[in-house]
Amino acid sequence: MCYEVITTSLESNLFEQWDFLGNIPWMRATLYDFYANVLVIFLWVCYKENSHLSKILWFILLVCLGSIASCIYLLIQLFKLNKDADLRELFIKS
């Protein structure tokens, strides 16, 4: 994901092409879909995290990095689990 985002960013500037891209119905649908997913994931982050600073930081990362930040957050949560923990513990607040 990181490689694809970086190489695409180097080849094409989204802000220069926004007038064209913003007029494509699928682009608008993709953005609505993306931000709906960010909202759901952010609600889970708010449930899991205790610190307001941490919540704000993860919100910024989710909005700016999208699925990259989602995967990082999930990996962090998975690495925090004990080896004998079941998957249910991933979703409950520690």
PDB file of N, CA and C in Angstrom:
ATOM      1  N   MET A   1       0.824  -1.188   0.000  1.00  0.00           N
ATOM      2  CA  MET A   1       0.000   0.000   0.000  1.00  0.00           C
ATOM      3  C   MET A   1       0.869   1.252   0.000  1.00  0.00           C
ATOM      4  N   CYS A   2       1.874   1.243   0.867  1.00  0.00           N
ATOM      5  CA  CYS A   2       2.754   2.421   0.956  1.00  0.00           C
ATOM      6  C   CYS A   2       3.462   2.667  -0.375  1.00  0.00           C
ATOM      7  N   TYR A   3       3.984   1.600  -0.972  1.00  0.00           N
ATOM      8  CA  TYR A   3       4.678   1.738  -2.252  1.00  0.00           C
ATOM      9  C   TYR A   3       3.747   2.327  -3.311  1.00  0.00           C
ATOM     10  N   GLU A   4       2.547   1.811  -3.397  1.00  0.00           N
ATOM     11  CA  GLU A   4       1.597   2.276  -4.409  1.00  0.00           C
ATOM     12  C   GLU A   4       1.222   3.738  -4.199  1.00  0.00           C
ATOM     13  N   VAL A   5       0.985   4.123  -2.963  1.00  0.00           N
ATOM     14  CA  VAL A   5       0.628   5.508  -2.665  1.00  0.00           C
ATOM     15  C   VAL A   5       1.786   6.450  -2.990  1.00  0.00           C
ATOM     16  N   ILE A   6       3.003   6.063  -2.620  1.00  0.00           N
ATOM     17  CA  ILE A   6       4.162   6.923  -2.861  1.00  0.00           C
ATOM     18  C   ILE A   6       4.443   7.058  -4.352  1.00  0.00           C
ATOM     19  N   THR A   7       4.452   5.948  -5.076  1.00  0.00           N
ATOM     20  CA  THR A   7       4.740   6.034  -6.518  1.00  0.00           C
ATOM     21  C   THR A   7       3.649   6.791  -7.264  1.00  0.00           C
ATOM     22  N   THR A   8       2.405   6.582  -6.878  1.00  0.00           N
ATOM     23  CA  THR A   8       1.316   7.323  -7.521  1.00  0.00           C
ATOM     24  C   THR A   8       1.429   8.814  -7.214  1.00  0.00           C
ATOM     25  N   SER A   9       1.779   9.157  -5.984  1.00  0.00           N
ATOM     26  CA  SER A   9       1.933  10.568  -5.612  1.00  0.00           C
ATOM     27  C   SER A   9       3.069  11.233  -6.384  1.00  0.00           C
ATOM     28  N   LEU A  10       4.116  10.478  -6.663  1.00  0.00           N
ATOM     29  CA  LEU A  10       5.237  11.030  -7.419  1.00  0.00           C
ATOM     30  C   LEU A  10       4.893  11.205  -8.901  1.00  0.00           C
ATOM     31  N   GLU A  11       4.019  10.355  -9.418  1.00  0.00           N
ATOM     32  CA  GLU A  11       3.634  10.426 -10.831  1.00  0.00           C
ATOM     33  C   GLU A  11       2.511  11.419 -11.095  1.00  0.00           C
ATOM     34  N   SER A  12       1.634  11.619 -10.112  1.00  0.00           N
ATOM     35  CA  SER A  12       0.432  12.395 -10.355  1.00  0.00           C
ATOM     36  C   SER A  12       0.066  13.189  -9.111  1.00  0.00           C
ATOM     37  N   ASN A  13      -0.216  14.477  -9.305  1.00  0.00           N
ATOM     38  CA  ASN A  13      -0.619  15.340  -8.202  1.00  0.00           C
ATOM     39  C   ASN A  13      -2.146  15.386  -8.146  1.00  0.00           C
ATOM     40  N   LEU A  14      -2.718  14.833  -7.088  1.00  0.00           N
ATOM     41  CA  LEU A  14      -4.175  14.782  -6.936  1.00  0.00           C
ATOM     42  C   LEU A  14      -4.794  16.168  -6.962  1.00  0.00           C
ATOM     43  N   PHE A  15      -4.134  17.147  -6.355  1.00  0.00           N
ATOM     44  CA  PHE A  15      -4.693  18.486  -6.273  1.00  0.00           C
ATOM     45  C   PHE A  15      -4.722  19.187  -7.625  1.00  0.00           C
ATOM     46  N   GLU A  16      -3.772  18.868  -8.495  1.00  0.00           N
ATOM     47  CA  GLU A  16      -3.779  19.449  -9.841  1.00  0.00           C
ATOM     48  C   GLU A  16      -4.871  18.842 -10.705  1.00  0.00           C
ATOM     49  N   GLN A  17      -5.239  17.595 -10.436  1.00  0.00           N
ATOM     50  CA  GLN A  17      -6.232  16.893 -11.240  1.00  0.00           C
ATOM     51  C   GLN A  17      -7.613  16.862 -10.597  1.00  0.00           C
ATOM     52  N   TRP A  18      -7.793  17.571  -9.496  1.00  0.00           N
ATOM     53  CA  TRP A  18      -9.042  17.469  -8.757  1.00  0.00           C
ATOM     54  C   TRP A  18     -10.254  17.941  -9.561  1.00  0.00           C
ATOM     55  N   ASP A  19     -10.104  18.987 -10.367  1.00  0.00           N
ATOM     56  CA  ASP A  19     -11.249  19.463 -11.156  1.00  0.00           C
ATOM     57  C   ASP A  19     -11.800  18.359 -12.050  1.00  0.00           C
ATOM     58  N   PHE A  20     -10.922  17.591 -12.661  1.00  0.00           N
ATOM     59  CA  PHE A  20     -11.348  16.477 -13.506  1.00  0.00           C
ATOM     60  C   PHE A  20     -11.895  15.325 -12.664  1.00  0.00           C
ATOM     61  N   LEU A  21     -11.142  14.931 -11.637  1.00  0.00           N
ATOM     62  CA  LEU A  21     -11.527  13.781 -10.825  1.00  0.00           C
ATOM     63  C   LEU A  21     -12.805  14.027 -10.032  1.00  0.00           C
ATOM     64  N   GLY A  22     -12.981  15.235  -9.541  1.00  0.00           N
ATOM     65  CA  GLY A  22     -14.169  15.567  -8.750  1.00  0.00           C
ATOM     66  C   GLY A  22     -15.462  15.467  -9.529  1.00  0.00           C
ATOM     67  N   ASN A  23     -15.378  15.510 -10.846  1.00  0.00           N
ATOM     68  CA  ASN A  23     -16.574  15.418 -11.687  1.00  0.00           C
ATOM     69  C   ASN A  23     -16.950  13.977 -12.029  1.00  0.00           C
ATOM     70  N   ILE A  24     -16.114  13.034 -11.683  1.00  0.00           N
ATOM     71  CA  ILE A  24     -16.400  11.628 -11.972  1.00  0.00           C
ATOM     72  C   ILE A  24     -17.280  11.078 -10.845  1.00  0.00           C
ATOM     73  N   PRO A  25     -18.480  10.575 -11.167  1.00  0.00           N
ATOM     74  CA  PRO A  25     -19.374  10.064 -10.105  1.00  0.00           C
ATOM     75  C   PRO A  25     -18.743   8.972  -9.240  1.00  0.00           C
ATOM     76  N   TRP A  26     -17.949   8.094  -9.833  1.00  0.00           N
ATOM     77  CA  TRP A  26     -17.317   7.036  -9.051  1.00  0.00           C
ATOM     78  C   TRP A  26     -16.275   7.592  -8.080  1.00  0.00           C
ATOM     79  N   MET A  27     -15.652   8.680  -8.429  1.00  0.00           N
ATOM     80  CA  MET A  27     -14.685   9.303  -7.517  1.00  0.00           C
ATOM     81  C   MET A  27     -15.413   9.844  -6.293  1.00  0.00           C
ATOM     82  N   ARG A  28     -16.559  10.503  -6.521  1.00  0.00           N
ATOM     83  CA  ARG A  28     -17.344  11.013  -5.395  1.00  0.00           C
ATOM     84  C   ARG A  28     -17.854   9.857  -4.530  1.00  0.00           C
ATOM     85  N   ALA A  29     -18.314   8.781  -5.162  1.00  0.00           N
ATOM     86  CA  ALA A  29     -18.792   7.613  -4.407  1.00  0.00           C
ATOM     87  C   ALA A  29     -17.662   6.995  -3.599  1.00  0.00           C
ATOM     88  N   THR A  30     -16.485   6.944  -4.182  1.00  0.00           N
ATOM     89  CA  THR A  30     -15.318   6.388  -3.478  1.00  0.00           C
ATOM     90  C   THR A  30     -14.964   7.236  -2.265  1.00  0.00           C
ATOM     91  N   LEU A  31     -15.038   8.542  -2.404  1.00  0.00           N
ATOM     92  CA  LEU A  31     -14.735   9.418  -1.267  1.00  0.00           C
ATOM     93  C   LEU A  31     -15.763   9.265  -0.154  1.00  0.00           C
ATOM     94  N   TYR A  32     -17.051   9.186  -0.497  1.00  0.00           N
ATOM     95  CA  TYR A  32     -18.073   8.950   0.523  1.00  0.00           C
ATOM     96  C   TYR A  32     -17.830   7.619   1.231  1.00  0.00           C
ATOM     97  N   ASP A  33     -17.504   6.598   0.450  1.00  0.00           N
ATOM     98  CA  ASP A  33     -17.227   5.280   1.008  1.00  0.00           C
ATOM     99  C   ASP A  33     -16.015   5.333   1.942  1.00  0.00           C
ATOM    100  N   PHE A  34     -14.972   6.011   1.501  1.00  0.00           N
ATOM    101  CA  PHE A  34     -13.751   6.124   2.291  1.00  0.00           C
ATOM    102  C   PHE A  34     -14.027   6.799   3.632  1.00  0.00           C
ATOM    103  N   TYR A  35     -14.709   7.941   3.612  1.00  0.00           N
ATOM    104  CA  TYR A  35     -14.940   8.666   4.855  1.00  0.00           C
ATOM    105  C   TYR A  35     -15.952   7.970   5.756  1.00  0.00           C
ATOM    106  N   ALA A  36     -16.880   7.209   5.197  1.00  0.00           N
ATOM    107  CA  ALA A  36     -17.778   6.400   6.025  1.00  0.00           C
ATOM    108  C   ALA A  36     -16.974   5.330   6.759  1.00  0.00           C
ATOM    109  N   ASN A  37     -16.024   4.703   6.062  1.00  0.00           N
ATOM    110  CA  ASN A  37     -15.150   3.710   6.699  1.00  0.00           C
ATOM    111  C   ASN A  37     -14.265   4.350   7.760  1.00  0.00           C
ATOM    112  N   VAL A  38     -13.728   5.519   7.470  1.00  0.00           N
ATOM    113  CA  VAL A  38     -12.890   6.225   8.450  1.00  0.00           C
ATOM    114  C   VAL A  38     -13.705   6.508   9.710  1.00  0.00           C
ATOM    115  N   LEU A  39     -14.952   6.907   9.545  1.00  0.00           N
ATOM    116  CA  LEU A  39     -15.804   7.192  10.705  1.00  0.00           C
ATOM    117  C   LEU A  39     -16.008   5.941  11.555  1.00  0.00           C
ATOM    118  N   VAL A  40     -16.303   4.812  10.925  1.00  0.00           N
ATOM    119  CA  VAL A  40     -16.519   3.570  11.670  1.00  0.00           C
ATOM    120  C   VAL A  40     -15.243   3.142  12.400  1.00  0.00           C
ATOM    121  N   ILE A  41     -14.126   3.184  11.706  1.00  0.00           N
ATOM    122  CA  ILE A  41     -12.863   2.790  12.337  1.00  0.00           C
ATOM    123  C   ILE A  41     -12.504   3.761  13.458  1.00  0.00           C
ATOM    124  N   PHE A  42     -12.759   5.052  13.232  1.00  0.00           N
ATOM    125  CA  PHE A  42     -12.462   6.039  14.264  1.00  0.00           C
ATOM    126  C   PHE A  42     -13.334   5.829  15.505  1.00  0.00           C
ATOM    127  N   LEU A  43     -14.574   5.416  15.334  1.00  0.00           N
ATOM    128  CA  LEU A  43     -15.423   5.119  16.495  1.00  0.00           C
ATOM    129  C   LEU A  43     -14.828   3.975  17.317  1.00  0.00           C
ATOM    130  N   TRP A  44     -14.276   2.970  16.633  1.00  0.00           N
ATOM    131  CA  TRP A  44     -13.613   1.867  17.337  1.00  0.00           C
ATOM    132  C   TRP A  44     -12.364   2.387  18.055  1.00  0.00           C
ATOM    133  N   VAL A  45     -11.603   3.258  17.403  1.00  0.00           N
ATOM    134  CA  VAL A  45     -10.412   3.850  18.020  1.00  0.00           C
ATOM    135  C   VAL A  45     -10.821   4.625  19.276  1.00  0.00           C
ATOM    136  N   CYS A  46     -11.904   5.392  19.191  1.00  0.00           N
ATOM    137  CA  CYS A  46     -12.370   6.155  20.358  1.00  0.00           C
ATOM    138  C   CYS A  46     -12.758   5.230  21.507  1.00  0.00           C
ATOM    139  N   TYR A  47     -13.333   4.095  21.172  1.00  0.00           N
ATOM    140  CA  TYR A  47     -13.695   3.112  22.196  1.00  0.00           C
ATOM    141  C   TYR A  47     -12.439   2.502  22.839  1.00  0.00           C
ATOM    142  N   LYS A  48     -11.435   2.209  22.028  1.00  0.00           N
ATOM    143  CA  LYS A  48     -10.235   1.523  22.520  1.00  0.00           C
ATOM    144  C   LYS A  48      -9.271   2.451  23.247  1.00  0.00           C
ATOM    145  N   GLU A  49      -9.136   3.676  22.778  1.00  0.00           N
ATOM    146  CA  GLU A  49      -8.123   4.588  23.311  1.00  0.00           C
ATOM    147  C   GLU A  49      -8.665   5.394  24.495  1.00  0.00           C
ATOM    148  N   ASN A  50      -7.815   5.636  25.467  1.00  0.00           N
ATOM    149  CA  ASN A  50      -8.206   6.421  26.644  1.00  0.00           C
ATOM    150  C   ASN A  50      -7.845   7.898  26.508  1.00  0.00           C
ATOM    151  N   SER A  51      -6.750   8.181  25.851  1.00  0.00           N
ATOM    152  CA  SER A  51      -6.226   9.544  25.748  1.00  0.00           C
ATOM    153  C   SER A  51      -6.898  10.314  24.606  1.00  0.00           C
ATOM    154  N   HIS A  52      -7.308  11.547  24.911  1.00  0.00           N
ATOM    155  CA  HIS A  52      -7.885  12.400  23.857  1.00  0.00           C
ATOM    156  C   HIS A  52      -6.839  12.736  22.796  1.00  0.00           C
ATOM    157  N   LEU A  53      -5.606  12.915  23.223  1.00  0.00           N
ATOM    158  CA  LEU A  53      -4.523  13.205  22.280  1.00  0.00           C
ATOM    159  C   LEU A  53      -4.335  12.046  21.308  1.00  0.00           C
ATOM    160  N   SER A  54      -4.381  10.843  21.827  1.00  0.00           N
ATOM    161  CA  SER A  54      -4.255   9.654  20.984  1.00  0.00           C
ATOM    162  C   SER A  54      -5.413   9.563  19.990  1.00  0.00           C
ATOM    163  N   LYS A  55      -6.616   9.864  20.442  1.00  0.00           N
ATOM    164  CA  LYS A  55      -7.787   9.844  19.561  1.00  0.00           C
ATOM    165  C   LYS A  55      -7.639  10.860  18.432  1.00  0.00           C
ATOM    166  N   ILE A  56      -7.184  12.058  18.758  1.00  0.00           N
ATOM    167  CA  ILE A  56      -6.991  13.106  17.750  1.00  0.00           C
ATOM    168  C   ILE A  56      -5.912  12.701  16.756  1.00  0.00           C
ATOM    169  N   LEU A  57      -4.802  12.172  17.275  1.00  0.00           N
ATOM    170  CA  LEU A  57      -3.709  11.737  16.407  1.00  0.00           C
ATOM    171  C   LEU A  57      -4.182  10.661  15.443  1.00  0.00           C
ATOM    172  N   TRP A  58      -4.918   9.654  15.941  1.00  0.00           N
ATOM    173  CA  TRP A  58      -5.400   8.579  15.072  1.00  0.00           C
ATOM    174  C   TRP A  58      -6.429   9.082  14.074  1.00  0.00           C
ATOM    175  N   PHE A  59      -7.234  10.071  14.461  1.00  0.00           N
ATOM    176  CA  PHE A  59      -8.189  10.653  13.514  1.00  0.00           C
ATOM    177  C   PHE A  59      -7.444  11.298  12.344  1.00  0.00           C
ATOM    178  N   ILE A  60      -6.423  12.066  12.657  1.00  0.00           N
ATOM    179  CA  ILE A  60      -5.629  12.726  11.606  1.00  0.00           C
ATOM    180  C   ILE A  60      -4.959  11.681  10.715  1.00  0.00           C
ATOM    181  N   LEU A  61      -4.387  10.666  11.329  1.00  0.00           N
ATOM    182  CA  LEU A  61      -3.723   9.617  10.549  1.00  0.00           C
ATOM    183  C   LEU A  61      -4.713   8.868   9.671  1.00  0.00           C
ATOM    184  N   LEU A  62      -5.896   8.558  10.196  1.00  0.00           N
ATOM    185  CA  LEU A  62      -6.905   7.849   9.401  1.00  0.00           C
ATOM    186  C   LEU A  62      -7.369   8.676   8.206  1.00  0.00           C
ATOM    187  N   VAL A  63      -7.587   9.963   8.425  1.00  0.00           N
ATOM    188  CA  VAL A  63      -8.044  10.828   7.332  1.00  0.00           C
ATOM    189  C   VAL A  63      -6.945  11.010   6.290  1.00  0.00           C
ATOM    190  N   CYS A  64      -5.711  11.175   6.731  1.00  0.00           N
ATOM    191  CA  CYS A  64      -4.613  11.446   5.794  1.00  0.00           C
ATOM    192  C   CYS A  64      -4.058  10.191   5.123  1.00  0.00           C
ATOM    193  N   LEU A  65      -4.019   9.082   5.846  1.00  0.00           N
ATOM    194  CA  LEU A  65      -3.373   7.883   5.320  1.00  0.00           C
ATOM    195  C   LEU A  65      -4.348   6.755   4.973  1.00  0.00           C
ATOM    196  N   GLY A  66      -5.595   6.871   5.394  1.00  0.00           N
ATOM    197  CA  GLY A  66      -6.605   5.887   5.040  1.00  0.00           C
ATOM    198  C   GLY A  66      -6.280   4.482   5.505  1.00  0.00           C
ATOM    199  N   SER A  67      -6.295   3.536   4.563  1.00  0.00           N
ATOM    200  CA  SER A  67      -6.120   2.126   4.918  1.00  0.00           C
ATOM    201  C   SER A  67      -4.726   1.835   5.476  1.00  0.00           C
ATOM    202  N   ILE A  68      -3.750   2.652   5.152  1.00  0.00           N
ATOM    203  CA  ILE A  68      -2.411   2.465   5.725  1.00  0.00           C
ATOM    204  C   ILE A  68      -2.488   2.653   7.243  1.00  0.00           C
ATOM    205  N   ALA A  69      -3.142   3.728   7.685  1.00  0.00           N
ATOM    206  CA  ALA A  69      -3.291   3.978   9.120  1.00  0.00           C
ATOM    207  C   ALA A  69      -4.179   2.925   9.769  1.00  0.00           C
ATOM    208  N   SER A  70      -5.217   2.485   9.072  1.00  0.00           N
ATOM    209  CA  SER A  70      -6.098   1.439   9.607  1.00  0.00           C
ATOM    210  C   SER A  70      -5.318   0.160   9.866  1.00  0.00           C
ATOM    211  N   CYS A  71      -4.498  -0.226   8.919  1.00  0.00           N
ATOM    212  CA  CYS A  71      -3.690  -1.440   9.072  1.00  0.00           C
ATOM    213  C   CYS A  71      -2.670  -1.290  10.195  1.00  0.00           C
ATOM    214  N   ILE A  72      -2.060  -0.129  10.297  1.00  0.00           N
ATOM    215  CA  ILE A  72      -1.088   0.111  11.371  1.00  0.00           C
ATOM    216  C   ILE A  72      -1.775   0.003  12.729  1.00  0.00           C
ATOM    217  N   TYR A  73      -2.954   0.629  12.855  1.00  0.00           N
ATOM    218  CA  TYR A  73      -3.674   0.574  14.130  1.00  0.00           C
ATOM    219  C   TYR A  73      -4.039  -0.862  14.485  1.00  0.00           C
ATOM    220  N   LEU A  74      -4.539  -1.600  13.515  1.00  0.00           N
ATOM    221  CA  LEU A  74      -4.914  -2.986  13.752  1.00  0.00           C
ATOM    222  C   LEU A  74      -3.705  -3.836  14.127  1.00  0.00           C
ATOM    223  N   LEU A  75      -2.586  -3.632  13.451  1.00  0.00           N
ATOM    224  CA  LEU A  75      -1.369  -4.376  13.798  1.00  0.00           C
ATOM    225  C   LEU A  75      -0.895  -4.056  15.215  1.00  0.00           C
ATOM    226  N   ILE A  76      -0.957  -2.801  15.590  1.00  0.00           N
ATOM    227  CA  ILE A  76      -0.577  -2.410  16.956  1.00  0.00           C
ATOM    228  C   ILE A  76      -1.467  -3.133  17.965  1.00  0.00           C
ATOM    229  N   GLN A  77      -2.771  -3.141  17.690  1.00  0.00           N
ATOM    230  CA  GLN A  77      -3.702  -3.820  18.602  1.00  0.00           C
ATOM    231  C   GLN A  77      -3.440  -5.322  18.657  1.00  0.00           C
ATOM    232  N   LEU A  78      -3.111  -5.922  17.529  1.00  0.00           N
ATOM    233  CA  LEU A  78      -2.820  -7.358  17.497  1.00  0.00           C
ATOM    234  C   LEU A  78      -1.543  -7.687  18.266  1.00  0.00           C
ATOM    235  N   PHE A  79      -0.515  -6.850  18.122  1.00  0.00           N
ATOM    236  CA  PHE A  79       0.733  -7.101  18.837  1.00  0.00           C
ATOM    237  C   PHE A  79       0.596  -6.893  20.345  1.00  0.00           C
ATOM    238  N   LYS A  80      -0.395  -6.116  20.773  1.00  0.00           N
ATOM    239  CA  LYS A  80      -0.631  -5.912  22.202  1.00  0.00           C
ATOM    240  C   LYS A  80      -1.288  -7.127  22.863  1.00  0.00           C
ATOM    241  N   LEU A  81      -1.916  -7.990  22.072  1.00  0.00           N
ATOM    242  CA  LEU A  81      -2.605  -9.152  22.621  1.00  0.00           C
ATOM    243  C   LEU A  81      -1.604 -10.180  23.137  1.00  0.00           C
ATOM    244  N   ASN A  82      -1.987 -10.878  24.185  1.00  0.00           N
ATOM    245  CA  ASN A  82      -1.192 -12.001  24.666  1.00  0.00           C
ATOM    246  C   ASN A  82      -1.313 -13.154  23.677  1.00  0.00           C
ATOM    247  N   LYS A  83      -0.329 -14.037  23.695  1.00  0.00           N
ATOM    248  CA  LYS A  83      -0.348 -15.175  22.764  1.00  0.00           C
ATOM    249  C   LYS A  83      -1.564 -16.068  22.958  1.00  0.00           C
ATOM    250  N   ASP A  84      -2.018 -16.207  24.185  1.00  0.00           N
ATOM    251  CA  ASP A  84      -3.151 -17.089  24.452  1.00  0.00           C
ATOM    252  C   ASP A  84      -4.505 -16.373  24.386  1.00  0.00           C
ATOM    253  N   ALA A  85      -4.509 -15.089  24.031  1.00  0.00           N
ATOM    254  CA  ALA A  85      -5.758 -14.322  23.940  1.00  0.00           C
ATOM    255  C   ALA A  85      -6.546 -14.743  22.700  1.00  0.00           C
ATOM    256  N   ASP A  86      -7.870 -14.687  22.835  1.00  0.00           N
ATOM    257  CA  ASP A  86      -8.684 -14.969  21.656  1.00  0.00           C
ATOM    258  C   ASP A  86      -9.011 -13.654  20.944  1.00  0.00           C
ATOM    259  N   LEU A  87      -9.565 -13.774  19.771  1.00  0.00           N
ATOM    260  CA  LEU A  87      -9.824 -12.609  18.925  1.00  0.00           C
ATOM    261  C   LEU A  87     -10.815 -11.647  19.560  1.00  0.00           C
ATOM    262  N   ARG A  88     -11.658 -12.137  20.434  1.00  0.00           N
ATOM    263  CA  ARG A  88     -12.651 -11.289  21.096  1.00  0.00           C
ATOM    264  C   ARG A  88     -11.973 -10.162  21.871  1.00  0.00           C
ATOM    265  N   GLU A  89     -10.801 -10.442  22.420  1.00  0.00           N
ATOM    266  CA  GLU A  89     -10.083  -9.438  23.197  1.00  0.00           C
ATOM    267  C   GLU A  89      -9.559  -8.282  22.345  1.00  0.00           C
ATOM    268  N   LEU A  90      -9.465  -8.517  21.046  1.00  0.00           N
ATOM    269  CA  LEU A  90      -9.037  -7.453  20.136  1.00  0.00           C
ATOM    270  C   LEU A  90     -10.072  -6.334  20.103  1.00  0.00           C
ATOM    271  N   PHE A  91     -11.334  -6.712  20.225  1.00  0.00           N
ATOM    272  CA  PHE A  91     -12.412  -5.743  20.045  1.00  0.00           C
ATOM    273  C   PHE A  91     -12.899  -5.114  21.339  1.00  0.00           C
ATOM    274  N   ILE A  92     -12.544  -5.685  22.475  1.00  0.00           N
ATOM    275  CA  ILE A  92     -12.996  -5.104  23.740  1.00  0.00           C
ATOM    276  C   ILE A  92     -11.962  -4.127  24.270  1.00  0.00           C
ATOM    277  N   LYS A  93     -12.426  -3.221  25.092  1.00  0.00           N
ATOM    278  CA  LYS A  93     -11.535  -2.206  25.655  1.00  0.00           C
ATOM    279  C   LYS A  93     -10.683  -2.826  26.735  1.00  0.00           C
ATOM    280  N   SER A  94      -9.387  -2.530  26.692  1.00  0.00           N
ATOM    281  CA  SER A  94      -8.494  -3.104  27.713  1.00  0.00           C
ATOM    282  C   SER A  94      -8.390  -2.206  28.924  1.00  0.00           C
TER     283      SER A  94
END
